[in-house]
Amino acid sequence: MAPIIGITYKSETRDIENYTNAIKAFKGDPLLFRSFGRTVQEHRASIREYLAAIDGLLLPGGGDINPALYFEERHLAVRGVSRSRDALEIWLCRDALDADIPILGICRGIQVMSVVTRGNLYQDIPAQFSDHLPHKVKHGDSWHDIEIQPRSLLNQITDENSTKINSSHHQSVKDIGDGFVVTARSSDGVIEAIENPSKKFVLGVQYHPERMLKKPEFEEHGAKLFNAFIKACT
């Protein structure tokens, strides 16, 4: 039986098609959790039911997290905040961590992992991080190299110490949360991957492996990540 993978989204399923297609391609069965149109209280009441129905959790990309959740004033560059989505994903991630359910966080997802565990974020890399690479461009993805920590989960999955990845973000993890370690950075020092070695499979990446699957020269890296995640959920 295919493992059931919970995937959160805001309001439109077309926004997460790359993620659902990737899960299906590697023999997982997506179960979608919509945040828009439900109150924070409704989300809180549903978390136990959601977690009981899934074998793994994928936290996808999306808008910015409310900085109040990591006790900071909001920068002018913060966009796309959704109180409902923040509540759904933070409660799902927190309780999935407690239950040791496998989690893969992508872009916004790695940031949710950090905030849930008392970490924080750079709210805007161009304004708050000096000498940075172009992590976001106007159209499409930028591309740059990352260095991966030896013997980390990401290193074991990909068998790579360095690789080129895609990039489309203006925020990133600043201080990691409790239980996490940094396992990849770009050459400017921006955190590109974190993981929790005390859990079965808890890995967050700042880049987009679901889009790497569409690029033949980068497909292998993305495929290894999704294959390892689905295997951990089986």
Protein backbone atom coordinates (compact mmCIF):
# COMPACT_ATOMS: atom_id res chain seq x y z
CA MET A 1 0.00 0.00 0.00
CA ALA A 2 1.29 3.45 -0.89
CA PRO A 3 2.17 5.66 2.08
CA ILE A 4 -0.18 8.59 2.58
CA ILE A 5 1.63 11.93 2.50
CA GLY A 6 -0.09 14.98 3.94
CA ILE A 7 0.56 18.18 1.97
CA THR A 8 -0.57 21.59 3.16
CA TYR A 9 -1.69 24.38 0.85
CA LYS A 10 -3.44 27.73 1.11
CA SER A 11 -6.35 27.77 -1.33
CA GLU A 12 -5.56 26.58 -4.88
CA THR A 13 -4.45 23.01 -5.60
CA ARG A 14 -2.70 24.18 -8.77
CA ASP A 15 -0.17 25.93 -6.53
CA ILE A 16 1.08 22.58 -5.25
CA GLU A 17 0.86 20.45 -8.40
CA ASN A 18 4.65 20.06 -8.56
CA TYR A 19 4.62 18.62 -5.04
CA THR A 20 1.69 16.26 -5.54
CA ASN A 21 3.13 15.06 -8.85
CA ALA A 22 6.48 14.36 -7.19
CA ILE A 23 4.84 12.36 -4.39
CA LYS A 24 2.86 10.32 -6.90
CA ALA A 25 5.93 9.74 -9.08
CA PHE A 26 7.68 8.08 -6.16
CA LYS A 27 4.70 5.93 -5.18
CA GLY A 28 3.17 8.05 -2.46
CA ASP A 29 -0.51 8.96 -2.08
CA PRO A 30 -1.06 12.72 -1.45
CA LEU A 31 -3.66 13.85 1.07
CA LEU A 32 -4.24 17.60 0.86
CA PHE A 33 -4.90 19.89 3.83
CA ARG A 34 -6.35 23.29 2.84
CA SER A 35 -5.88 26.21 5.18
CA PHE A 36 -7.98 28.93 3.52
CA GLY A 37 -11.58 29.21 4.65
CA ARG A 38 -11.07 27.56 8.03
CA THR A 39 -10.57 29.28 11.36
CA VAL A 40 -7.54 28.81 13.55
CA GLN A 41 -9.73 27.00 16.07
CA GLU A 42 -10.97 24.59 13.39
CA HIS A 43 -7.38 23.76 12.43
CA ARG A 44 -6.42 23.10 16.04
CA ALA A 45 -9.36 20.70 16.44
CA SER A 46 -8.41 18.79 13.28
CA ILE A 47 -4.69 18.18 13.85
CA ARG A 48 -5.05 14.82 15.63
CA GLU A 49 -7.36 13.56 12.87
CA TYR A 50 -4.96 14.75 10.16
CA LEU A 51 -1.91 13.11 11.72
CA ALA A 52 -3.76 9.84 12.26
CA ALA A 53 -4.48 9.71 8.52
CA ILE A 54 -0.92 10.18 7.20
CA ASP A 55 2.41 8.36 7.11
CA GLY A 56 4.45 11.45 6.31
CA LEU A 57 4.13 15.24 6.08
CA LEU A 58 5.36 17.51 3.27
CA LEU A 59 5.49 21.23 4.06
CA PRO A 60 5.71 23.07 0.70
CA GLY A 61 6.74 26.54 -0.40
CA GLY A 62 4.50 29.57 -0.14
CA GLY A 63 4.13 33.02 1.41
CA ASP A 64 5.99 34.42 4.40
CA ILE A 65 5.41 33.38 8.02
CA ASN A 66 4.14 36.04 10.43
CA PRO A 67 7.27 37.36 12.20
CA ALA A 68 5.26 37.74 15.41
CA LEU A 69 5.46 33.95 15.68
CA TYR A 70 9.22 34.26 16.25
CA PHE A 71 8.87 37.45 18.29
CA GLU A 72 10.05 40.00 15.77
CA GLU A 73 8.54 43.14 14.30
CA ARG A 74 7.41 42.78 10.70
CA HIS A 75 9.83 43.95 8.00
CA LEU A 76 8.36 45.93 5.13
CA ALA A 77 9.42 43.22 2.66
CA VAL A 78 7.27 40.51 4.28
CA ARG A 79 4.51 39.36 1.92
CA GLY A 80 1.76 36.79 1.66
CA VAL A 81 1.20 36.16 5.38
CA SER A 82 -1.75 33.89 6.16
CA ARG A 83 -2.76 33.47 9.80
CA SER A 84 -4.76 30.37 8.92
CA ARG A 85 -1.91 28.69 7.04
CA ASP A 86 0.60 29.57 9.75
CA ALA A 87 -1.63 27.95 12.37
CA LEU A 88 -2.27 24.80 10.35
CA GLU A 89 1.37 24.18 9.45
CA ILE A 90 2.85 25.07 12.82
CA TRP A 91 0.51 22.75 14.71
CA LEU A 92 0.92 19.96 12.15
CA CYS A 93 4.71 20.26 12.20
CA ARG A 94 4.93 20.46 15.98
CA ASP A 95 2.74 17.43 16.59
CA ALA A 96 4.34 15.44 13.75
CA LEU A 97 7.73 16.07 15.34
CA ASP A 98 6.42 14.85 18.69
CA ALA A 99 5.01 11.72 17.02
CA ASP A 100 8.21 11.16 14.95
CA ILE A 101 6.27 11.20 11.70
CA PRO A 102 8.65 11.75 8.73
CA ILE A 103 8.68 15.37 7.54
CA LEU A 104 10.10 16.96 4.41
CA GLY A 105 10.10 20.77 4.41
CA ILE A 106 10.69 22.69 1.18
CA CYS A 107 11.38 26.46 0.99
CA ARG A 108 8.71 27.87 3.35
CA GLY A 109 8.64 24.38 4.88
CA ILE A 110 12.19 24.58 6.24
CA GLN A 111 11.28 27.95 7.74
CA VAL A 112 8.20 26.49 9.44
CA MET A 113 10.43 23.80 10.97
CA SER A 114 12.72 26.46 12.43
CA VAL A 115 9.93 28.65 13.80
CA VAL A 116 8.11 25.68 15.37
CA THR A 117 11.21 24.77 17.36
CA ARG A 118 12.04 28.30 18.61
CA GLY A 119 14.29 29.31 15.74
CA ASN A 120 13.93 32.46 13.67
CA LEU A 121 14.34 33.79 10.13
CA TYR A 122 15.95 36.45 8.03
CA GLN A 123 12.79 38.28 7.00
CA ASP A 124 14.48 39.68 3.89
CA ILE A 125 17.89 38.47 2.75
CA PRO A 126 18.64 41.54 0.57
CA ALA A 127 18.00 43.87 3.52
CA GLN A 128 19.40 41.79 6.38
CA PHE A 129 22.20 39.62 4.98
CA SER A 130 25.37 41.22 3.60
CA ASP A 131 27.28 39.96 0.55
CA HIS A 132 24.57 37.50 -0.41
CA LEU A 133 24.10 35.54 -3.61
CA PRO A 134 21.03 36.20 -5.82
CA HIS A 135 18.71 33.76 -4.04
CA LYS A 136 15.67 35.11 -5.87
CA VAL A 137 15.33 36.49 -9.38
CA LYS A 138 12.40 38.21 -11.02
CA HIS A 139 11.45 35.35 -13.33
CA GLY A 140 12.10 31.65 -12.68
CA ASP A 141 14.83 30.21 -10.47
CA SER A 142 18.37 31.31 -9.81
CA TRP A 143 20.99 28.57 -9.45
CA HIS A 144 23.99 28.31 -7.16
CA ASP A 145 26.18 25.77 -5.39
CA ILE A 146 25.76 24.47 -1.86
CA GLU A 147 28.13 22.59 0.44
CA ILE A 148 26.65 19.57 2.24
CA GLN A 149 27.90 18.35 5.61
CA PRO A 150 29.58 14.92 5.48
CA ARG A 151 27.65 12.08 7.16
CA SER A 152 24.47 14.17 7.33
CA LEU A 153 21.18 12.67 6.21
CA LEU A 154 21.24 14.86 3.10
CA ASN A 155 24.76 13.66 2.32
CA GLN A 156 23.78 10.02 2.78
CA ILE A 157 20.70 10.41 0.57
CA THR A 158 22.38 12.23 -2.30
CA ASP A 159 25.96 10.97 -1.94
CA GLU A 160 27.07 14.55 -2.62
CA ASN A 161 29.36 16.88 -0.70
CA SER A 162 28.50 19.80 -2.97
CA THR A 163 25.94 20.34 -5.69
CA LYS A 164 24.10 23.01 -7.65
CA ILE A 165 20.53 23.75 -6.61
CA ASN A 166 17.73 26.09 -7.66
CA SER A 167 16.76 29.07 -5.55
CA SER A 168 13.66 31.25 -5.28
CA HIS A 169 13.37 32.81 -1.83
CA HIS A 170 13.90 36.14 -0.12
CA GLN A 171 13.82 34.69 3.42
CA SER A 172 15.86 31.96 5.10
CA VAL A 173 16.54 30.33 8.44
CA LYS A 174 18.69 32.55 10.68
CA ASP A 175 18.95 30.71 14.01
CA ILE A 176 18.01 27.04 13.88
CA GLY A 177 15.42 25.61 16.24
CA ASP A 178 15.91 23.15 19.10
CA GLY A 179 17.09 19.71 17.98
CA PHE A 180 18.12 20.79 14.49
CA VAL A 181 21.56 20.95 12.90
CA VAL A 182 22.63 22.82 9.77
CA THR A 183 23.62 20.39 7.03
CA ALA A 184 24.02 22.60 3.95
CA ARG A 185 24.91 26.22 3.19
CA SER A 186 25.50 28.29 0.10
CA SER A 187 28.86 30.02 -0.32
CA ASP A 188 27.51 33.26 1.19
CA GLY A 189 26.57 31.43 4.40
CA VAL A 190 22.81 31.23 3.88
CA ILE A 191 21.37 28.03 5.38
CA GLU A 192 20.16 25.66 2.65
CA ALA A 193 19.30 22.53 4.68
CA ILE A 194 18.59 21.54 8.27
CA GLU A 195 17.71 18.21 9.83
CA ASN A 196 16.92 16.66 13.19
CA PRO A 197 19.20 13.65 13.71
CA SER A 198 17.16 12.38 16.67
CA LYS A 199 14.16 11.70 14.42
CA LYS A 200 13.52 9.00 11.83
CA PHE A 201 13.38 11.47 8.93
CA VAL A 202 13.09 15.22 9.46
CA LEU A 203 14.77 17.21 6.71
CA GLY A 204 14.23 20.75 5.48
CA VAL A 205 15.71 22.25 2.31
CA GLN A 206 15.54 25.88 1.22
CA TYR A 207 15.57 24.99 -2.47
CA HIS A 208 12.98 23.25 -4.67
CA PRO A 209 13.71 19.57 -5.44
CA GLU A 210 10.23 19.16 -6.92
CA ARG A 211 11.25 21.57 -9.70
CA MET A 212 14.67 19.98 -10.09
CA LEU A 213 12.84 16.85 -11.25
CA LYS A 214 11.98 18.72 -14.46
CA LYS A 215 15.64 19.47 -15.27
CA PRO A 216 17.49 16.40 -16.63
CA GLU A 217 20.85 17.61 -15.31
CA PHE A 218 19.45 18.05 -11.77
CA GLU A 219 16.78 15.35 -11.75
CA GLU A 220 18.87 12.80 -9.84
CA HIS A 221 19.25 14.96 -6.75
CA GLY A 222 15.51 15.64 -6.51
CA ALA A 223 14.66 12.01 -7.21
CA LYS A 224 16.92 10.77 -4.43
CA LEU A 225 15.32 13.16 -1.94
CA PHE A 226 11.74 12.19 -2.73
CA ASN A 227 12.58 8.51 -2.94
CA ALA A 228 14.23 8.59 0.51
CA PHE A 229 11.30 10.51 1.99
CA ILE A 230 8.71 8.08 0.64
CA LYS A 231 10.81 5.13 1.80
CA ALA A 232 10.96 6.60 5.33
CA CYS A 233 7.15 6.90 5.27
CA THR A 234 6.58 3.32 4.15
